[in-house]
Amino acid sequence: MIAIENHVAVVTGASQGIGRAIALGLAAQRVRLFLVGRNSTTLHEVAELARKSSPVVVVHAIDLVRDGAVTDIAETISQKFGGLDVLTHCAGAYSMGDLQTASVDEFDRLYRTNVRMPYLLTQSLLPMLKRRKGQIVFINSSQGLQARARVGQYAASQHALKALADSLREEVNSDGVRVFTVYPGRTATPRTEAIFTMEEREYKPELLLQPEDVAEVVINTLMMPLTAEVTNITMRPLIKSY
């Protein structure tokens, strides 16, 4: 295993759910953190917890789909840290609706948030990651592998994100940059709770994957020896309650 103490990591979507769990897991490894999220209040709460073990935690509360947001992040990381070792994409949007009635505006929103934003952020930060032979993590979804009814718009964005990650891996492998994607099934997060509400089903978080389960897999993969590369990880709840 390689040591990641004092490495610099960006975590998007760090204010809740899987992003929050990854941020706190990296903090426990004494990684220096750059936390990105829209909700300033909850993001600062995560930062306060992370500072108990991380030597440096910088909070960047911003809507990543806003024009200019990506440029702001790249410039701030360069100024405050001078480099980057890990980029973790956890931010994203979700919606449901059948193809016949779902609006194209909603489809555009999902594409902008789930594909265009990580594309631009990766593009902006890639020079720093190459210099450090860094690692890029995409938190995708089981829908990124197998779409089901009434989530076609969301699943299409996740399939596009898979293609982005797979192509990027082939491009940067020779630079020593590792790229891997995690495809979790239903995980006990605020988003999943909202999905259960939309489906008019009882929400039982104890029967689902936990955010910390996903975070542990991510951190263990980041610490894999440099002789190995993990490319894709599929996770499911042990008890198939849905």
Protein backbone atom coordinates (compact mmCIF):
# COMPACT_ATOMS: atom_id res chain seq x y z
CA MET A 1 0.00 0.00 0.00
CA ILE A 2 1.18 3.54 -0.72
CA ALA A 3 0.95 6.32 1.83
CA ILE A 4 -1.34 9.20 0.90
CA GLU A 5 -0.64 11.36 3.96
CA ASN A 6 -0.19 15.02 2.95
CA HIS A 7 -1.46 14.33 -0.55
CA VAL A 8 -3.84 16.98 -1.90
CA ALA A 9 -7.36 15.84 -2.80
CA VAL A 10 -10.34 17.58 -4.34
CA VAL A 11 -13.73 16.12 -3.40
CA THR A 12 -16.82 17.49 -5.14
CA GLY A 13 -20.23 16.95 -3.61
CA ALA A 14 -18.50 16.85 -0.23
CA SER A 15 -21.35 18.27 1.82
CA GLN A 16 -23.38 15.06 2.10
CA GLY A 17 -23.69 11.38 1.26
CA ILE A 18 -20.82 9.56 -0.42
CA GLY A 19 -18.81 12.74 -0.97
CA ARG A 20 -18.97 13.56 2.73
CA ALA A 21 -17.89 10.03 3.68
CA ILE A 22 -14.95 10.12 1.24
CA ALA A 23 -13.86 13.52 2.54
CA LEU A 24 -13.84 12.33 6.14
CA GLY A 25 -12.15 9.07 5.19
CA LEU A 26 -9.38 10.95 3.41
CA ALA A 27 -9.05 13.29 6.39
CA ALA A 28 -8.45 10.25 8.60
CA GLN A 29 -5.48 9.44 6.34
CA ARG A 30 -4.20 13.01 6.93
CA VAL A 31 -4.82 14.04 3.34
CA ARG A 32 -4.99 17.78 2.65
CA LEU A 33 -8.48 18.54 1.40
CA PHE A 34 -10.18 20.92 -1.00
CA LEU A 35 -13.90 20.41 -0.44
CA VAL A 36 -16.43 21.55 -3.03
CA GLY A 37 -20.20 21.77 -2.64
CA ARG A 38 -23.18 24.06 -3.07
CA ASN A 39 -24.44 24.09 0.52
CA SER A 40 -22.06 26.32 2.45
CA THR A 41 -23.49 25.44 5.87
CA THR A 42 -23.20 21.67 5.57
CA LEU A 43 -19.88 21.94 3.74
CA HIS A 44 -18.37 23.89 6.64
CA GLU A 45 -19.76 21.30 9.06
CA VAL A 46 -17.92 18.56 7.15
CA ALA A 47 -14.78 20.71 7.11
CA GLU A 48 -14.86 21.11 10.89
CA LEU A 49 -15.02 17.34 11.33
CA ALA A 50 -12.24 16.83 8.78
CA ARG A 51 -9.94 19.31 10.52
CA LYS A 52 -9.74 17.00 13.54
CA SER A 53 -7.31 14.83 11.55
CA SER A 54 -6.49 16.56 8.24
CA PRO A 55 -3.62 19.06 8.34
CA VAL A 56 -5.32 21.43 5.87
CA VAL A 57 -8.97 21.74 4.82
CA VAL A 58 -10.08 24.39 2.32
CA VAL A 59 -13.78 24.93 1.68
CA HIS A 60 -15.02 26.10 -1.71
CA ALA A 61 -18.80 26.57 -1.59
CA ILE A 62 -19.91 27.04 -5.18
CA ASP A 63 -22.35 25.74 -7.78
CA LEU A 64 -20.09 23.87 -10.18
CA VAL A 65 -22.39 24.37 -13.15
CA ARG A 66 -21.92 28.14 -12.92
CA ASP A 67 -19.79 29.54 -15.72
CA GLY A 68 -16.31 30.32 -14.41
CA ALA A 69 -16.58 28.01 -11.38
CA VAL A 70 -14.06 25.52 -12.72
CA THR A 71 -11.48 28.21 -13.46
CA ASP A 72 -11.87 29.50 -9.91
CA ILE A 73 -11.12 26.05 -8.50
CA ALA A 74 -8.01 25.44 -10.59
CA GLU A 75 -6.55 28.84 -9.68
CA THR A 76 -7.32 28.44 -5.97
CA ILE A 77 -5.76 24.97 -5.76
CA SER A 78 -2.64 26.16 -7.53
CA GLN A 79 -2.29 29.11 -5.14
CA LYS A 80 -3.05 27.27 -1.89
CA PHE A 81 -1.47 23.86 -2.53
CA GLY A 82 0.80 24.18 -5.54
CA GLY A 83 -0.34 20.83 -6.91
CA LEU A 84 -2.92 18.05 -6.85
CA ASP A 85 -2.80 14.29 -6.23
CA VAL A 86 -6.44 13.13 -6.20
CA LEU A 87 -9.59 14.34 -7.92
CA THR A 88 -12.83 12.71 -6.75
CA HIS A 89 -16.05 13.42 -8.62
CA CYS A 90 -19.06 12.93 -6.31
CA ALA A 91 -21.31 15.85 -7.24
CA GLY A 92 -24.28 15.17 -9.47
CA ALA A 93 -27.99 15.56 -10.11
CA TYR A 94 -30.84 13.06 -10.40
CA SER A 95 -34.37 13.00 -11.75
CA MET A 96 -37.02 10.50 -12.81
CA GLY A 97 -39.50 10.55 -15.66
CA ASP A 98 -40.50 8.51 -18.67
CA LEU A 99 -39.10 9.47 -22.04
CA GLN A 100 -42.47 10.46 -23.50
CA THR A 101 -43.12 13.22 -20.98
CA ALA A 102 -39.78 14.23 -19.42
CA SER A 103 -38.66 17.68 -20.54
CA VAL A 104 -35.57 18.23 -22.65
CA ASP A 105 -34.67 21.09 -20.30
CA GLU A 106 -34.35 18.59 -17.46
CA PHE A 107 -32.25 16.34 -19.68
CA ASP A 108 -29.98 19.31 -20.44
CA ARG A 109 -29.66 20.04 -16.69
CA LEU A 110 -28.59 16.47 -15.98
CA TYR A 111 -26.08 16.52 -18.81
CA ARG A 112 -24.62 19.84 -17.68
CA THR A 113 -24.26 18.69 -14.07
CA ASN A 114 -23.32 15.03 -14.50
CA VAL A 115 -21.17 15.14 -17.65
CA ARG A 116 -20.13 18.63 -18.71
CA MET A 117 -19.09 19.74 -15.21
CA PRO A 118 -16.79 16.77 -14.44
CA TYR A 119 -15.43 17.00 -17.99
CA LEU A 120 -14.43 20.64 -17.55
CA LEU A 121 -13.12 20.17 -14.03
CA THR A 122 -10.98 17.21 -15.05
CA GLN A 123 -9.71 19.08 -18.09
CA SER A 124 -8.78 22.06 -15.93
CA LEU A 125 -6.98 20.05 -13.23
CA LEU A 126 -5.34 17.40 -15.43
CA PRO A 127 -2.00 19.24 -15.89
CA MET A 128 -1.52 19.30 -12.10
CA LEU A 129 -2.54 15.66 -11.77
CA LYS A 130 -0.10 14.61 -14.49
CA ARG A 131 2.77 16.38 -12.77
CA ARG A 132 2.08 14.46 -9.55
CA LYS A 133 1.11 11.16 -11.28
CA GLY A 134 -2.19 11.52 -9.51
CA GLN A 135 -5.46 9.64 -9.42
CA ILE A 136 -8.99 10.42 -10.61
CA VAL A 137 -12.10 8.87 -9.08
CA PHE A 138 -15.55 8.92 -10.66
CA ILE A 139 -18.47 8.01 -8.43
CA ASN A 140 -20.99 6.82 -11.00
CA SER A 141 -24.12 4.72 -10.39
CA SER A 142 -25.45 1.26 -11.11
CA GLN A 143 -27.60 3.11 -13.67
CA GLY A 144 -24.38 3.90 -15.51
CA LEU A 145 -24.15 0.21 -16.38
CA GLN A 146 -27.77 -0.89 -16.72
CA ALA A 147 -30.60 1.58 -17.21
CA ARG A 148 -34.08 0.81 -15.97
CA ALA A 149 -37.45 2.34 -16.78
CA ARG A 150 -38.15 6.00 -16.00
CA VAL A 151 -34.52 7.00 -15.44
CA GLY A 152 -33.39 7.17 -19.06
CA GLN A 153 -32.27 10.79 -18.88
CA TYR A 154 -30.23 10.25 -15.72
CA ALA A 155 -28.86 6.90 -16.90
CA ALA A 156 -27.78 8.45 -20.21
CA SER A 157 -25.70 11.00 -18.31
CA GLN A 158 -24.11 8.24 -16.24
CA HIS A 159 -23.34 6.16 -19.33
CA ALA A 160 -21.68 9.26 -20.80
CA LEU A 161 -19.66 9.68 -17.60
CA LYS A 162 -18.52 6.06 -17.91
CA ALA A 163 -17.34 6.72 -21.46
CA LEU A 164 -15.50 9.82 -20.31
CA ALA A 165 -13.68 7.90 -17.57
CA ASP A 166 -12.83 4.93 -19.79
CA SER A 167 -11.45 7.11 -22.56
CA LEU A 168 -9.51 9.29 -20.13
CA ARG A 169 -7.89 6.21 -18.60
CA GLU A 170 -6.52 5.18 -21.97
CA GLU A 171 -5.19 8.69 -22.57
CA VAL A 172 -3.39 9.25 -19.26
CA ASN A 173 -2.24 5.76 -18.35
CA SER A 174 1.16 6.37 -19.91
CA ASP A 175 1.52 9.50 -17.76
CA GLY A 176 1.22 7.40 -14.61
CA VAL A 177 -2.26 8.72 -13.80
CA ARG A 178 -4.75 6.15 -12.52
CA VAL A 179 -8.47 6.51 -13.27
CA PHE A 180 -11.17 4.38 -11.70
CA THR A 181 -14.93 4.40 -11.45
CA VAL A 182 -17.16 3.11 -8.66
CA TYR A 183 -20.71 2.03 -9.52
CA PRO A 184 -22.68 1.85 -6.25
CA GLY A 185 -26.14 0.42 -6.00
CA ARG A 186 -28.60 2.13 -3.73
CA THR A 187 -26.79 3.82 -0.88
CA ALA A 188 -28.19 5.38 2.30
CA THR A 189 -27.90 9.03 1.29
CA PRO A 190 -30.30 12.00 1.20
CA ARG A 191 -30.67 11.50 -2.55
CA THR A 192 -31.71 7.88 -2.14
CA GLU A 193 -34.19 8.83 0.56
CA ALA A 194 -35.72 11.32 -1.88
CA ILE A 195 -35.86 8.62 -4.57
CA PHE A 196 -37.75 6.28 -2.25
CA THR A 197 -40.20 9.11 -1.58
CA MET A 198 -40.72 9.60 -5.31
CA GLU A 199 -41.29 5.87 -5.68
CA GLU A 200 -43.73 5.93 -2.73
CA ARG A 201 -41.75 3.23 -0.97
CA GLU A 202 -40.67 2.84 2.63
CA TYR A 203 -37.09 3.98 3.14
CA LYS A 204 -34.98 1.55 5.19
CA PRO A 205 -31.41 2.87 5.14
CA GLU A 206 -30.08 -0.01 7.22
CA LEU A 207 -30.77 -2.36 4.29
CA LEU A 208 -28.74 -0.30 1.82
CA LEU A 209 -25.08 0.34 1.16
CA GLN A 210 -23.65 2.89 3.58
CA PRO A 211 -21.69 5.91 2.33
CA GLU A 212 -18.76 4.75 4.46
CA ASP A 213 -18.75 1.43 2.55
CA VAL A 214 -18.14 3.28 -0.69
CA ALA A 215 -15.58 5.59 0.91
CA GLU A 216 -13.58 2.65 2.26
CA VAL A 217 -13.40 1.07 -1.19
CA VAL A 218 -12.29 4.36 -2.73
CA ILE A 219 -9.56 4.99 -0.15
CA ASN A 220 -8.25 1.43 -0.28
CA THR A 221 -8.05 1.70 -4.08
CA LEU A 222 -6.19 5.02 -3.87
CA MET A 223 -3.63 3.29 -1.65
CA MET A 224 -3.05 0.34 -3.98
CA PRO A 225 0.62 -0.24 -4.88
CA LEU A 226 1.70 1.59 -8.01
CA THR A 227 2.27 -1.75 -9.76
CA ALA A 228 -1.53 -2.18 -9.92
CA GLU A 229 -4.47 -0.35 -11.45
CA VAL A 230 -8.11 -0.85 -10.52
CA THR A 231 -10.43 0.36 -13.27
CA ASN A 232 -14.06 -0.36 -12.33
CA ILE A 233 -15.73 -1.39 -9.07
CA THR A 234 -19.38 -2.44 -8.81
CA MET A 235 -21.02 -2.41 -5.37
CA ARG A 236 -24.44 -3.60 -4.23
CA PRO A 237 -26.24 -3.89 -0.89
CA LEU A 238 -25.78 -7.36 0.51
CA ILE A 239 -29.50 -7.69 1.23
CA LYS A 240 -31.41 -7.19 -2.02
CA SER A 241 -34.34 -5.29 -0.50
CA TYR A 242 -35.43 -3.57 -3.69
